[in-house]
Every structure is written in C-alpha cells, then in structure tokens.
Amino acid sequence: MTRQQYDGYFGRCPLCNNTDGYVNVESSHWFFCSERKVMWCAGANVFSSWQNETEEEQKRNWDQLGLDKYEQIQPVYPEDAKC
C-alpha cells in the first residue's frame, strides 16, 4: 500500500482536492481519499509496484482500507496536467 502526497497528476478528490495515495489491484492503481471515502482508477501498469505484491497483499491492503465501501468517482486534475 502506498500512502504519500502526489502533485495531482493522477487526480485528486473533487470534494477536498486531496489524495491519500494508491493501492494496486492486479496491475491497476486505485487512488483514494480516506476523508471523503472516494476512489478512482489512474490506469494499469503505470507503476511497477504491483509486480512486487502478491494477490494476498493487495487484497489485505484493499480490505484494511475498506475500499469496497468507497464510492468510485471521476477525479479532478491540476490545470497544467498534460494527460
């Protein structure tokens, strides 16, 4: 599980303009905001971190955060992001 600040390139919560990092689900990367209980997918195979995690580790990270109770949303991006 990765928790760190990002510049918003991979999106931010539209309600508070924040992110708490991401977790991997197979090769996809899910960013989330714990305060607002929202999440969004930033793509697949963007970060190599998923290759160093077992499926059990990924499931444990997902379950610890309770992401199955989070709402999937469309994030906001910084104006200068080049997508």
Protein backbone atom coordinates (compact mmCIF):
# COMPACT_ATOMS: atom_id res chain seq x y z
CA MET A 1 0.00 0.00 0.00
CA THR A 2 1.36 3.38 -0.92
CA ARG A 3 0.41 6.48 1.02
CA GLN A 4 2.12 9.68 0.06
CA GLN A 5 1.37 13.06 -1.40
CA TYR A 6 1.15 13.50 -5.16
CA ASP A 7 1.05 16.66 -7.22
CA GLY A 8 -2.35 15.69 -8.56
CA TYR A 9 -1.11 14.33 -11.88
CA PHE A 10 -3.12 11.14 -11.25
CA GLY A 11 -6.14 13.04 -9.96
CA ARG A 12 -7.44 14.44 -6.72
CA CYS A 13 -10.66 14.19 -4.78
CA PRO A 14 -13.12 16.71 -6.28
CA LEU A 15 -14.52 17.43 -2.81
CA CYS A 16 -11.33 18.29 -0.90
CA ASN A 17 -8.64 18.37 -3.63
CA ASN A 18 -6.61 15.69 -1.87
CA THR A 19 -5.40 12.11 -2.25
CA ASP A 20 -4.06 9.61 0.26
CA GLY A 21 -2.10 7.58 -2.26
CA TYR A 22 -3.00 4.39 -4.07
CA VAL A 23 -3.35 0.65 -3.81
CA ASN A 24 -2.83 -1.92 -6.52
CA VAL A 25 -5.42 -4.38 -7.76
CA GLU A 26 -3.55 -6.72 -10.04
CA SER A 27 -1.85 -4.23 -12.39
CA SER A 28 -4.36 -1.36 -11.90
CA HIS A 29 -3.76 1.53 -9.50
CA TRP A 30 -6.58 2.94 -7.36
CA PHE A 31 -6.09 6.33 -5.75
CA PHE A 32 -8.31 7.22 -2.83
CA CYS A 33 -9.36 9.90 -0.37
CA SER A 34 -9.97 8.43 3.07
CA GLU A 35 -11.70 11.53 4.40
CA ARG A 36 -14.40 11.54 1.68
CA LYS A 37 -14.42 7.76 1.10
CA VAL A 38 -13.93 8.05 -2.67
CA MET A 39 -11.57 6.35 -5.13
CA TRP A 40 -10.60 6.45 -8.78
CA CYS A 41 -8.53 4.34 -11.12
CA ALA A 42 -5.41 6.01 -12.51
CA GLY A 43 -4.69 3.28 -15.04
CA ALA A 44 -2.90 -0.04 -15.24
CA ASN A 45 0.78 -0.89 -15.26
CA VAL A 46 1.69 2.77 -14.73
CA PHE A 47 3.74 1.95 -11.61
CA SER A 48 5.85 -1.17 -11.23
CA SER A 49 4.90 -1.53 -7.54
CA TRP A 50 2.16 -4.03 -8.36
CA GLN A 51 4.79 -6.51 -9.56
CA ASN A 52 6.29 -6.66 -6.06
CA GLU A 53 3.00 -7.50 -4.33
CA THR A 54 1.21 -10.80 -4.09
CA GLU A 55 -2.54 -11.01 -4.66
CA GLU A 56 -2.90 -11.68 -0.93
CA GLU A 57 -1.01 -8.47 -0.06
CA GLN A 58 -3.11 -6.47 -2.48
CA LYS A 59 -6.34 -7.88 -1.04
CA ARG A 60 -5.17 -7.20 2.51
CA ASN A 61 -4.36 -3.57 1.63
CA TRP A 62 -7.77 -3.14 -0.03
CA ASP A 63 -9.56 -4.72 2.93
CA GLN A 64 -7.62 -2.72 5.55
CA LEU A 65 -8.76 0.49 3.92
CA GLY A 66 -12.30 -0.77 3.40
CA LEU A 67 -12.23 0.34 -0.23
CA ASP A 68 -15.22 -1.82 -1.13
CA LYS A 69 -17.27 0.78 0.78
CA TYR A 70 -15.77 3.73 -1.12
CA GLU A 71 -17.56 5.43 -3.99
CA GLN A 72 -15.88 5.34 -7.39
CA ILE A 73 -15.68 8.88 -8.79
CA GLN A 74 -14.11 10.98 -11.53
CA PRO A 75 -11.17 12.89 -10.03
CA VAL A 76 -10.13 16.45 -10.75
CA TYR A 77 -6.75 17.23 -12.30
CA PRO A 78 -4.48 20.25 -12.00
CA GLU A 79 -4.95 22.74 -14.83
CA ASP A 80 -1.37 22.21 -16.01
CA ALA A 81 -1.57 18.40 -16.13
CA LYS A 82 -0.69 17.00 -19.54
CA CYS A 83 -2.98 13.98 -19.96
